[in-house]
Amino acid sequence: MVDFFSESISLERIDLLLRLATKGGCSHDERYQVLIWCSELTTQLIEQFDQNEKKPLNSGSTLNLCGRGLQQI
């Protein structure tokens, strides 16, 4: 099963940067820097999702839902 912990942290960082840039007293240069950082974080996030999508599932691995294991095909 894929762990999306690092991806969720990246999304939280992007959200925080954008909220600070739009609601804070940021200058034009600071807002521009925030856009660059968000672009870099988003690019990394897309690469992580692409890597996770390409990973094959292990044969015989199980997915546990409510205490019942479902075997991945």
Protein backbone atom coordinates (compact mmCIF):
# COMPACT_ATOMS: atom_id res chain seq x y z
CA MET A 1 0.00 0.00 0.00
CA VAL A 2 1.35 3.43 -0.91
CA ASP A 3 2.11 5.82 1.93
CA PHE A 4 1.09 9.39 1.08
CA PHE A 5 2.65 10.99 4.18
CA SER A 6 5.35 12.95 2.31
CA GLU A 7 2.85 14.00 -0.35
CA SER A 8 0.43 15.34 2.26
CA ILE A 9 3.27 17.32 3.89
CA SER A 10 4.12 18.85 0.51
CA LEU A 11 0.49 19.86 0.01
CA GLU A 12 0.40 21.44 3.47
CA ARG A 13 3.56 23.43 2.68
CA ILE A 14 2.11 24.67 -0.61
CA ASP A 15 -1.12 25.65 1.16
CA LEU A 16 0.76 27.51 3.90
CA LEU A 17 2.97 29.40 1.47
CA LEU A 18 0.03 30.50 -0.64
CA ARG A 19 -2.04 31.56 2.38
CA LEU A 20 0.85 33.61 3.79
CA ALA A 21 1.50 35.25 0.43
CA THR A 22 -2.12 36.21 -0.15
CA LYS A 23 -3.11 37.27 3.37
CA GLY A 24 0.18 38.52 4.76
CA GLY A 25 1.94 41.79 4.19
CA CYS A 26 4.22 40.41 1.49
CA SER A 27 5.99 42.52 -1.07
CA HIS A 28 5.84 41.79 -4.79
CA ASP A 29 9.26 40.10 -4.67
CA GLU A 30 8.20 37.89 -1.74
CA ARG A 31 5.05 36.82 -3.58
CA TYR A 32 7.14 36.03 -6.64
CA GLN A 33 9.45 33.86 -4.50
CA VAL A 34 6.43 32.04 -3.04
CA LEU A 35 5.22 31.24 -6.56
CA ILE A 36 8.65 29.83 -7.44
CA TRP A 37 8.70 27.67 -4.28
CA CYS A 38 5.16 26.42 -4.91
CA SER A 39 6.09 25.56 -8.47
CA GLU A 40 9.13 23.58 -7.28
CA LEU A 41 7.11 21.77 -4.60
CA THR A 42 4.35 20.96 -7.07
CA THR A 43 6.86 19.58 -9.58
CA GLN A 44 8.36 17.34 -6.89
CA LEU A 45 4.89 16.22 -5.83
CA ILE A 46 3.91 15.29 -9.38
CA GLU A 47 7.15 13.29 -9.74
CA GLN A 48 6.41 11.43 -6.49
CA PHE A 49 2.89 10.56 -7.66
CA ASP A 50 4.23 9.38 -11.01
CA GLN A 51 6.79 7.15 -9.28
CA ASN A 52 4.14 5.68 -6.98
CA GLU A 53 1.83 5.06 -9.92
CA LYS A 54 4.54 3.11 -11.78
CA LYS A 55 5.41 0.85 -8.82
CA PRO A 56 3.94 -2.62 -9.32
CA LEU A 57 1.95 -4.14 -6.48
CA ASN A 58 3.64 -7.05 -4.73
CA SER A 59 1.95 -10.33 -5.48
CA GLY A 60 0.24 -11.66 -2.41
CA SER A 61 0.15 -8.31 -0.65
CA THR A 62 -2.98 -7.59 1.32
CA LEU A 63 -5.10 -4.52 1.81
CA ASN A 64 -6.60 -4.38 5.30
CA LEU A 65 -10.03 -2.81 5.49
CA CYS A 66 -11.95 -2.88 8.76
CA GLY A 67 -10.04 -5.91 9.98
CA ARG A 68 -10.62 -7.96 6.83
CA GLY A 69 -7.73 -8.56 4.48
CA LEU A 70 -8.35 -8.26 0.75
CA GLN A 71 -5.70 -9.74 -1.48
CA GLN A 72 -4.34 -7.49 -4.22
CA ILE A 73 -4.50 -8.97 -7.72
